Amino acid sequence: MSPTPDSNTNFSSAPLLEVCGLQLDFLKDGQALRAVDDVSFELKAGESICLVGESGCGKSVTALSVARLVPSPPARYVGGQIRVNGKNVFEMSPKELQQIRGGVVSYIFQEPGASLNPVFRVGDQILESLKLHRPASATREEVVQLLKLVGIPAPEARIHDYPHQLSGGMQQRIMIAMALASHPRLLIADEPTTALDVTIQAQIIELLKDLRQRIGMSLLLITHNFGIVGDLADRVVVMYAGQIVELAASATLLARPLHPYTRALMNSVPKLGGESDRLTAIPGNVPNLGSFPKGCRFHPRCPKARAECSESVPELREVEPGHWVRCPFWMS
């Protein structure tokens, strides 16, 4: 059984995105290293989900797999399905995948300066995105309208700028405009505020929140920062070492996290007016691929670990309606 939204969620009944038992390996020196292990979740039309976890937990690989963007080799899909609009992306032809990429699912990535072409004006780059999906109707007037939509001031002038003439925040708005050019039903944002200062981060998050409400698109946000989850997510998927360890409605999880890893992540978020001058750190590091410990993958770093935690892999179970946890001792 896959984790799904609870019955009180007011979204379209048919899932836009279904990730079902996804398993993905990376091949290195003839060895298969499991990077994503039996990941399942659904995203309804109009819904917003945050994938949360430290770097190396499998969030980005899972998100890139939605449009089959993980290069093979070195990656190899070994199990599960990903269905977009009810159709398995692993069974799509190259032409069908091209229609899905951008036409249904669009991506924005961290560090927009590395994604934009430095030798082309930003207006031309957005126009190219328009022509890719609607060659007959793409116009510069529509480019200007997209820049207005994402809050670029004086868009008629900005379309002639090169990326280096824009700030990091403006570059990220350009990337969002390019992603929206094809009117996607699902926007996947992978750490969209990385390398931006705190004020600009807040502006980008507010922009994504506003766009989602105005356009009605679904949003899959990848982040390691629990500080922005409450502003954007309807539900939260917490990943660790390639597995889902907790999944719940955003309000439920933020009010009552059950998995020790989720609690540790939330305790590491800076709090205004906190009594301590130091942040609470999680001891140790995310294990490398191929070096996952036996049993619960978090147990070497878990303050509540018991002897049996190192013996068997815990199942992801629905312990409360709509609240899934991979820990048999979640009540302790």
Protein backbone atom coordinates (compact mmCIF):
# COMPACT_ATOMS: atom_id res chain seq x y z
CA MET A 1 0.00 0.00 0.00
CA SER A 2 1.37 3.42 -0.98
CA PRO A 3 1.13 6.52 1.19
CA THR A 4 -1.69 8.74 -0.14
CA PRO A 5 -3.37 11.98 0.95
CA ASP A 6 -6.04 11.58 3.61
CA SER A 7 -9.70 11.65 2.62
CA ASN A 8 -10.21 15.21 3.84
CA THR A 9 -7.74 16.70 1.33
CA ASN A 10 -9.53 18.91 -1.22
CA PHE A 11 -7.68 18.03 -4.40
CA SER A 12 -8.64 16.31 -7.63
CA SER A 13 -9.20 12.60 -6.94
CA ALA A 14 -7.01 11.37 -9.79
CA PRO A 15 -3.27 11.57 -8.97
CA LEU A 16 -1.22 13.69 -11.33
CA LEU A 17 1.95 11.91 -10.21
CA GLU A 18 2.30 8.41 -8.78
CA VAL A 19 5.67 7.13 -7.60
CA CYS A 20 5.23 3.43 -6.84
CA GLY A 21 8.00 1.38 -5.25
CA LEU A 22 10.76 3.23 -7.11
CA GLN A 23 14.16 1.55 -6.97
CA LEU A 24 17.22 3.02 -8.64
CA ASP A 25 20.84 1.87 -8.64
CA PHE A 26 24.04 3.62 -9.66
CA LEU A 27 26.63 1.37 -11.28
CA LYS A 28 30.20 1.86 -10.13
CA ASP A 29 33.10 -0.46 -10.94
CA GLY A 30 30.63 -3.21 -11.81
CA GLN A 31 28.80 -2.85 -8.48
CA ALA A 32 25.15 -1.78 -8.16
CA LEU A 33 24.69 0.83 -5.42
CA ARG A 34 21.09 1.43 -4.36
CA ALA A 35 20.34 5.19 -4.31
CA VAL A 36 16.52 5.10 -4.12
CA ASP A 37 14.92 2.20 -2.29
CA ASP A 38 11.19 1.43 -2.57
CA VAL A 39 9.98 5.05 -2.59
CA SER A 40 6.22 5.57 -3.00
CA PHE A 41 4.02 8.65 -2.82
CA GLU A 42 1.27 10.38 -4.79
CA LEU A 43 0.79 14.00 -5.79
CA LYS A 44 -2.71 15.23 -6.56
CA ALA A 45 -3.53 17.96 -9.06
CA GLY A 46 -3.10 21.29 -7.29
CA GLU A 47 -1.24 19.74 -4.35
CA SER A 48 2.17 20.73 -2.98
CA ILE A 49 4.64 18.22 -1.50
CA CYS A 50 8.06 18.87 0.01
CA LEU A 51 10.80 16.22 -0.15
CA VAL A 52 13.00 16.91 2.88
CA GLY A 53 16.31 15.46 3.98
CA GLU A 54 20.06 16.03 4.10
CA SER A 55 22.21 16.00 0.98
CA GLY A 56 22.70 12.47 -0.29
CA CYS A 57 19.33 11.15 0.86
CA GLY A 58 17.95 10.57 -2.65
CA LYS A 59 15.62 13.57 -2.98
CA SER A 60 17.00 15.01 -6.22
CA VAL A 61 17.40 11.61 -7.88
CA THR A 62 13.77 10.83 -7.06
CA ALA A 63 12.62 14.17 -8.49
CA LEU A 64 14.70 13.84 -11.67
CA SER A 65 13.27 10.37 -12.20
CA VAL A 66 9.78 11.84 -12.62
CA ALA A 67 10.71 12.87 -16.18
CA ARG A 68 13.36 10.14 -16.54
CA LEU A 69 16.20 12.64 -16.48
CA VAL A 70 18.73 10.54 -14.55
CA PRO A 71 21.30 9.42 -17.15
CA SER A 72 21.50 5.69 -17.79
CA PRO A 73 24.25 4.60 -17.40
CA PRO A 74 25.45 5.13 -14.69
CA ALA A 75 21.91 4.94 -13.27
CA ARG A 76 19.64 1.94 -13.70
CA TYR A 77 15.97 1.73 -12.80
CA VAL A 78 15.48 -1.71 -11.28
CA GLY A 79 11.98 -1.60 -9.83
CA GLY A 80 8.75 0.30 -9.47
CA GLN A 81 6.86 2.72 -11.67
CA ILE A 82 6.41 6.45 -12.08
CA ARG A 83 3.08 7.41 -13.62
CA VAL A 84 2.34 10.91 -14.89
CA ASN A 85 -1.28 11.42 -15.87
CA GLY A 86 -1.71 7.68 -15.42
CA LYS A 87 1.04 6.65 -17.86
CA ASN A 88 4.29 4.97 -16.84
CA VAL A 89 7.25 7.15 -17.85
CA PHE A 90 9.48 4.06 -18.08
CA GLU A 91 7.33 2.81 -20.96
CA MET A 92 7.22 6.11 -22.87
CA SER A 93 8.85 6.61 -26.26
CA PRO A 94 11.40 9.41 -26.72
CA LYS A 95 8.68 11.53 -28.38
CA GLU A 96 6.30 10.99 -25.47
CA LEU A 97 9.03 11.86 -22.98
CA GLN A 98 9.76 15.09 -24.87
CA GLN A 99 6.09 16.05 -24.56
CA ILE A 100 6.13 15.31 -20.83
CA ARG A 101 9.34 17.25 -20.20
CA GLY A 102 8.29 20.87 -20.02
CA GLY A 103 4.82 20.25 -21.40
CA VAL A 104 3.53 18.55 -18.23
CA VAL A 105 6.50 18.62 -15.84
CA SER A 106 8.95 21.54 -15.58
CA TYR A 107 12.02 21.92 -13.39
CA ILE A 108 13.82 24.78 -11.72
CA PHE A 109 17.21 24.13 -10.15
CA GLN A 110 19.55 25.62 -7.61
CA GLU A 111 22.22 28.09 -8.71
CA PRO A 112 20.41 29.65 -11.70
CA GLY A 113 23.63 31.27 -12.87
CA ALA A 114 24.90 27.82 -13.82
CA SER A 115 21.67 26.95 -15.68
CA LEU A 116 21.32 30.07 -17.81
CA ASN A 117 23.40 30.38 -20.98
CA PRO A 118 25.78 33.33 -20.42
CA VAL A 119 26.05 34.29 -24.10
CA PHE A 120 22.33 34.70 -24.85
CA ARG A 121 19.96 37.41 -23.67
CA VAL A 122 17.43 36.19 -21.10
CA GLY A 123 14.50 37.17 -23.32
CA ASP A 124 15.84 34.97 -26.12
CA GLN A 125 16.26 32.05 -23.72
CA ILE A 126 12.66 32.30 -22.54
CA LEU A 127 11.45 32.67 -26.12
CA GLU A 128 13.31 29.48 -27.02
CA SER A 129 11.40 27.65 -24.28
CA LEU A 130 8.13 28.97 -25.70
CA LYS A 131 8.99 27.92 -29.24
CA LEU A 132 9.92 24.43 -28.12
CA HIS A 133 6.34 23.71 -27.06
CA ARG A 134 4.29 26.25 -29.03
CA PRO A 135 6.34 27.30 -32.08
CA ALA A 136 3.42 28.91 -33.89
CA SER A 137 2.27 31.19 -31.08
CA ALA A 138 5.47 32.16 -29.22
CA THR A 139 6.00 35.92 -29.16
CA ARG A 140 8.14 38.45 -27.35
CA GLU A 141 4.96 39.94 -25.90
CA GLU A 142 4.37 36.64 -24.12
CA VAL A 143 7.95 36.73 -22.82
CA VAL A 144 7.23 40.15 -21.32
CA GLN A 145 4.04 38.81 -19.73
CA LEU A 146 5.97 35.91 -18.18
CA LEU A 147 8.51 38.32 -16.70
CA LYS A 148 5.67 40.36 -15.25
CA LEU A 149 4.15 37.18 -13.82
CA VAL A 150 7.33 36.35 -11.88
CA GLY A 151 7.81 39.91 -10.63
CA ILE A 152 10.63 41.19 -12.85
CA PRO A 153 10.53 45.03 -12.86
CA ALA A 154 10.68 46.85 -16.22
CA PRO A 155 10.37 43.56 -18.17
CA GLU A 156 10.46 45.31 -21.57
CA ALA A 157 14.03 46.36 -20.78
CA ARG A 158 15.12 43.21 -18.90
CA ILE A 159 14.52 40.92 -21.90
CA HIS A 160 17.64 42.46 -23.49
CA ASP A 161 19.88 41.73 -20.47
CA TYR A 162 22.46 38.97 -20.26
CA PRO A 163 22.40 36.71 -17.16
CA HIS A 164 25.47 38.35 -15.63
CA GLN A 165 23.64 41.70 -15.57
CA LEU A 166 21.02 40.31 -13.17
CA SER A 167 21.21 39.50 -9.46
CA GLY A 168 20.92 35.92 -8.22
CA GLY A 169 17.30 36.49 -7.22
CA MET A 170 16.44 37.92 -10.66
CA GLN A 171 18.21 35.01 -12.35
CA GLN A 172 16.07 32.57 -10.37
CA ARG A 173 12.93 34.46 -11.43
CA ILE A 174 14.08 34.09 -15.04
CA MET A 175 14.44 30.34 -14.50
CA ILE A 176 10.92 30.19 -13.05
CA ALA A 177 9.58 32.14 -16.05
CA MET A 178 11.25 29.63 -18.40
CA ALA A 179 9.73 26.74 -16.45
CA LEU A 180 6.26 28.31 -16.67
CA ALA A 181 6.53 29.07 -20.40
CA SER A 182 4.95 25.73 -21.38
CA HIS A 183 2.13 25.99 -18.80
CA PRO A 184 3.18 22.85 -16.92
CA ARG A 185 0.80 21.04 -14.58
CA LEU A 186 3.66 20.13 -12.23
CA LEU A 187 6.59 22.33 -11.23
CA ILE A 188 9.54 20.57 -9.57
CA ALA A 189 11.81 22.96 -7.68
CA ASP A 190 15.15 21.50 -6.53
CA GLU A 191 16.61 23.66 -3.75
CA PRO A 192 15.49 26.84 -5.54
CA THR A 193 16.79 29.19 -2.83
CA THR A 194 20.32 27.78 -2.46
CA ALA A 195 23.08 30.44 -2.72
CA LEU A 196 20.56 33.29 -2.28
CA ASP A 197 20.57 35.58 0.73
CA VAL A 198 17.80 35.25 3.31
CA THR A 199 15.72 38.18 2.01
CA ILE A 200 15.79 36.90 -1.58
CA GLN A 201 15.03 33.36 -0.38
CA ALA A 202 11.85 34.63 1.26
CA GLN A 203 10.87 36.46 -1.94
CA ILE A 204 11.34 33.33 -4.10
CA ILE A 205 9.33 31.17 -1.68
CA GLU A 206 6.55 33.76 -1.62
CA LEU A 207 6.61 33.88 -5.43
CA LEU A 208 6.24 30.09 -5.71
CA LYS A 209 3.40 30.17 -3.20
CA ASP A 210 1.62 32.94 -5.11
CA LEU A 211 2.13 31.29 -8.52
CA ARG A 212 0.78 28.01 -7.26
CA GLN A 213 -2.40 29.68 -6.04
CA ARG A 214 -2.89 31.79 -9.17
CA ILE A 215 -2.05 29.16 -11.78
CA GLY A 216 -3.31 26.09 -9.92
CA MET A 217 -0.27 23.97 -10.70
CA SER A 218 1.09 21.20 -8.50
CA LEU A 219 4.45 21.70 -6.78
CA LEU A 220 7.15 19.24 -5.75
CA LEU A 221 9.79 21.08 -3.72
CA ILE A 222 13.11 19.51 -2.76
CA THR A 223 14.78 21.04 0.28
CA HIS A 224 16.83 20.27 3.37
CA ASN A 225 15.36 23.26 5.21
CA PHE A 226 12.34 22.64 7.41
CA GLY A 227 12.06 26.39 7.86
CA ILE A 228 10.24 26.79 4.51
CA VAL A 229 8.07 23.65 4.63
CA GLY A 230 5.18 25.22 6.52
CA ASP A 231 4.81 28.01 3.95
CA LEU A 232 4.57 25.79 0.89
CA ALA A 233 3.72 22.15 1.61
CA ASP A 234 0.38 20.42 1.93
CA ARG A 235 2.27 17.22 2.74
CA VAL A 236 5.86 16.39 3.64
CA VAL A 237 7.96 13.39 2.61
CA VAL A 238 11.08 12.95 4.76
CA MET A 239 13.85 10.87 3.14
CA TYR A 240 16.97 9.34 4.64
CA ALA A 241 19.56 7.15 2.89
CA GLY A 242 17.31 6.53 -0.11
CA GLN A 243 14.19 5.62 1.87
CA ILE A 244 11.09 7.44 3.06
CA VAL A 245 11.18 7.56 6.86
CA GLU A 246 8.11 9.72 7.46
CA LEU A 247 5.19 11.09 5.44
CA ALA A 248 2.31 13.20 6.70
CA ALA A 249 0.27 16.34 6.20
CA SER A 250 2.45 19.40 6.72
CA ALA A 251 0.55 20.74 9.73
CA THR A 252 0.50 17.30 11.36
CA LEU A 253 4.19 16.63 10.88
CA LEU A 254 5.32 20.08 11.99
CA ALA A 255 3.18 19.85 15.13
CA ARG A 256 4.08 16.25 15.98
CA PRO A 257 7.05 14.67 14.17
CA LEU A 258 7.29 10.98 15.02
CA HIS A 259 10.51 9.69 13.45
CA PRO A 260 13.75 10.50 15.34
CA TYR A 261 15.35 11.75 12.12
CA THR A 262 12.50 14.18 11.45
CA ARG A 263 12.74 15.47 15.01
CA ALA A 264 16.50 15.91 14.64
CA LEU A 265 16.07 17.86 11.38
CA MET A 266 13.49 20.15 12.96
CA ASN A 267 15.64 20.71 16.05
CA SER A 268 18.49 21.87 13.81
CA VAL A 269 16.44 24.76 12.38
CA PRO A 270 17.44 28.14 13.93
CA LYS A 271 14.70 29.66 16.10
CA LEU A 272 14.28 33.33 16.90
CA GLY A 273 14.47 33.95 20.62
CA GLY A 274 15.94 30.53 21.33
CA GLU A 275 17.73 30.04 24.63
CA SER A 276 20.82 28.38 23.15
CA ASP A 277 23.51 30.17 21.16
CA ARG A 278 24.40 26.96 19.31
CA LEU A 279 22.44 24.96 16.77
CA THR A 280 21.57 21.35 17.55
CA ALA A 281 23.53 19.19 15.11
CA ILE A 282 22.83 15.61 14.09
CA PRO A 283 25.92 13.51 14.92
CA GLY A 284 27.61 11.65 12.09
CA ASN A 285 26.84 11.80 8.37
CA VAL A 286 24.47 10.29 5.84
CA PRO A 287 26.02 6.92 4.87
CA ASN A 288 27.52 6.61 1.40
CA LEU A 289 25.92 4.44 -1.25
CA GLY A 290 26.98 0.87 -0.72
CA SER A 291 27.74 1.53 2.97
CA PHE A 292 24.27 1.51 4.45
CA PRO A 293 24.23 -0.05 7.92
CA LYS A 294 22.28 -3.22 8.59
CA GLY A 295 18.81 -2.70 9.99
CA CYS A 296 17.48 0.84 10.34
CA ARG A 297 19.72 3.09 8.29
CA PHE A 298 19.47 5.92 10.82
CA HIS A 299 20.26 3.88 13.92
CA PRO A 300 24.02 4.76 14.12
CA ARG A 301 23.01 8.43 14.50
CA CYS A 302 19.76 7.93 16.45
CA PRO A 303 19.60 8.97 20.12
CA LYS A 304 16.79 6.44 20.70
CA ALA A 305 18.40 3.45 18.98
CA ARG A 306 17.98 0.01 20.57
CA ALA A 307 19.77 -3.27 19.93
CA GLU A 308 17.03 -4.53 17.61
CA CYS A 309 17.37 -1.42 15.42
CA SER A 310 20.55 -2.88 13.93
CA GLU A 311 18.96 -6.26 13.18
CA SER A 312 16.10 -5.68 10.73
CA VAL A 313 14.90 -2.95 8.35
CA PRO A 314 11.72 -1.36 9.74
CA GLU A 315 8.68 -1.09 7.50
CA LEU A 316 7.02 2.18 6.53
CA ARG A 317 3.69 1.93 8.38
CA GLU A 318 0.60 4.11 8.66
CA VAL A 319 0.53 4.63 12.44
CA GLU A 320 -2.19 7.27 12.36
CA PRO A 321 -4.58 8.24 9.52
CA GLY A 322 -2.41 9.75 6.77
CA HIS A 323 0.75 9.59 8.92
CA TRP A 324 3.40 7.06 7.85
CA VAL A 325 6.57 6.30 9.85
CA ARG A 326 9.51 3.92 9.38
CA CYS A 327 10.23 3.31 13.06
CA PRO A 328 8.71 0.67 15.39
CA PHE A 329 9.52 2.81 18.42
CA TRP A 330 7.88 6.04 17.26
CA MET A 331 5.82 6.27 20.46
CA SER A 332 8.89 6.25 22.71
